[in-house]
Amino acid sequence: QVLLVESGGGLVQAGGSLRLSCAASRSIFSVMTMNWYRQAPGKQREVVATLTTSGSTNYADSVKGRFTISRDNGKNTVYLQMNSLKPEDTAIYYCNAAMQIVNYWGQGTQVTVSS
């Protein structure tokens, strides 16, 4: 079992920045792909950023050039740096760890971007 705990959400004005953190209860980055998802009200959950075990990254088109996913192996923590935030980025953001059919989720952290 892996516990994921997100932090760093909040209220920010459009154009601002936030950094989300996801702390894992044990070392998993060598075997599990890490993802950040988000879910806006009335919409399906969508993946916004992926970081593979080899260090490759992938981003949703809507956040490319603005969001950056990274990790600190020593702290068992994954980050999502979000810059140039837009009102449409408002959502609950979830950290996910995935390996084949195994998935772990954090509890989510609210990000609200005001116009």
Protein backbone atom coordinates (compact mmCIF):
# COMPACT_ATOMS: atom_id res chain seq x y z
CA GLN A 1 0.00 0.00 0.00
CA VAL A 2 1.17 3.52 -0.81
CA LEU A 3 -0.18 6.67 0.77
CA LEU A 4 -0.08 9.84 -1.33
CA VAL A 5 -0.60 13.23 0.29
CA GLU A 6 -1.01 16.36 -1.82
CA SER A 7 -0.47 19.92 -0.69
CA GLY A 8 0.03 23.37 -2.15
CA GLY A 9 -3.36 24.18 -3.58
CA GLY A 10 -5.13 27.46 -3.01
CA LEU A 11 -6.58 30.59 -4.53
CA VAL A 12 -4.52 32.55 -7.03
CA GLN A 13 -5.18 35.27 -9.56
CA ALA A 14 -4.94 34.60 -13.26
CA GLY A 15 -1.34 34.77 -14.40
CA GLY A 16 -0.06 33.61 -11.04
CA SER A 17 1.77 30.46 -10.01
CA LEU A 18 1.35 27.58 -7.60
CA ARG A 19 3.44 24.52 -6.82
CA LEU A 20 1.68 21.35 -5.82
CA SER A 21 3.46 18.63 -3.88
CA CYS A 22 2.67 14.95 -3.58
CA ALA A 23 4.49 13.08 -0.84
CA ALA A 24 4.58 9.29 -1.09
CA SER A 25 4.77 7.11 2.00
CA ARG A 26 7.65 5.11 0.56
CA SER A 27 10.08 5.05 -2.35
CA ILE A 28 8.14 4.19 -5.51
CA PHE A 29 9.47 6.32 -8.33
CA SER A 30 11.68 3.56 -9.73
CA VAL A 31 8.69 1.30 -10.29
CA MET A 32 5.65 3.54 -10.64
CA THR A 33 4.67 6.21 -13.13
CA MET A 34 3.54 9.38 -11.43
CA ASN A 35 0.67 11.43 -12.77
CA TRP A 36 -1.17 14.59 -11.91
CA TYR A 37 -4.87 14.57 -12.77
CA ARG A 38 -7.47 17.26 -12.34
CA GLN A 39 -11.23 17.33 -12.20
CA ALA A 40 -13.25 20.48 -12.72
CA PRO A 41 -16.91 20.72 -11.63
CA GLY A 42 -19.14 18.84 -14.03
CA LYS A 43 -16.22 17.46 -16.01
CA GLN A 44 -14.39 14.15 -16.19
CA ARG A 45 -11.06 13.68 -14.49
CA GLU A 46 -8.22 14.29 -16.93
CA VAL A 47 -4.49 13.67 -16.79
CA VAL A 48 -2.42 16.85 -17.05
CA ALA A 49 1.15 15.64 -16.49
CA THR A 50 3.03 12.35 -16.42
CA LEU A 51 6.48 11.42 -15.17
CA THR A 52 7.70 7.93 -15.98
CA THR A 53 10.17 5.79 -14.05
CA SER A 54 12.86 6.71 -16.60
CA GLY A 55 12.22 10.41 -16.15
CA SER A 56 10.28 11.09 -19.32
CA THR A 57 7.49 13.63 -19.09
CA ASN A 58 4.28 14.24 -20.97
CA TYR A 59 1.72 16.99 -20.72
CA ALA A 60 -1.83 17.68 -21.80
CA ASP A 61 -1.96 20.19 -24.64
CA SER A 62 -3.85 22.62 -22.42
CA VAL A 63 -0.93 22.94 -19.98
CA LYS A 64 2.14 22.52 -22.19
CA GLY A 65 4.65 25.27 -21.65
CA ARG A 66 2.98 26.32 -18.40
CA PHE A 67 3.14 23.26 -16.09
CA THR A 68 6.18 21.23 -15.13
CA ILE A 69 6.21 17.88 -13.35
CA SER A 70 9.31 16.88 -11.40
CA ARG A 71 10.37 14.69 -8.51
CA ASP A 72 12.76 14.58 -5.58
CA ASN A 73 13.75 10.97 -5.05
CA GLY A 74 15.27 11.68 -1.66
CA LYS A 75 12.02 13.16 -0.38
CA ASN A 76 9.71 10.69 -2.18
CA THR A 77 7.89 13.75 -3.48
CA VAL A 78 6.53 14.72 -6.87
CA TYR A 79 5.81 18.32 -7.77
CA LEU A 80 3.64 20.14 -10.24
CA GLN A 81 4.83 23.67 -10.92
CA MET A 82 1.99 25.64 -12.45
CA ASN A 83 2.72 29.00 -14.06
CA SER A 84 0.62 31.45 -16.03
CA LEU A 85 -2.50 30.04 -14.44
CA LYS A 86 -5.84 30.55 -16.12
CA PRO A 87 -9.39 30.43 -14.70
CA GLU A 88 -9.94 27.23 -16.70
CA ASP A 89 -7.21 25.57 -14.61
CA THR A 90 -9.58 25.68 -11.64
CA ALA A 91 -10.10 22.12 -10.45
CA ILE A 92 -9.29 19.59 -7.79
CA TYR A 93 -5.83 18.22 -8.55
CA TYR A 94 -5.00 14.62 -7.73
CA CYS A 95 -1.70 12.81 -7.51
CA ASN A 96 -1.65 9.29 -8.94
CA ALA A 97 0.90 6.48 -8.84
CA ALA A 98 0.43 3.76 -11.42
CA MET A 99 2.02 0.44 -12.25
CA GLN A 100 0.17 -1.95 -14.60
CA ILE A 101 -3.22 -2.50 -12.93
CA VAL A 102 -2.22 -0.97 -9.61
CA ASN A 103 -3.26 2.62 -8.93
CA TYR A 104 -2.91 4.78 -5.86
CA TRP A 105 -4.57 8.17 -5.44
CA GLY A 106 -4.14 11.10 -3.17
CA GLN A 107 -7.06 12.90 -1.56
CA GLY A 108 -6.85 15.89 -3.91
CA THR A 109 -6.07 19.56 -3.45
CA GLN A 110 -8.24 22.43 -4.66
CA VAL A 111 -6.80 24.98 -7.07
CA THR A 112 -8.91 28.05 -7.79
CA VAL A 113 -7.82 30.67 -10.31
CA SER A 114 -9.71 33.95 -10.24
CA SER A 115 -10.04 36.18 -13.29
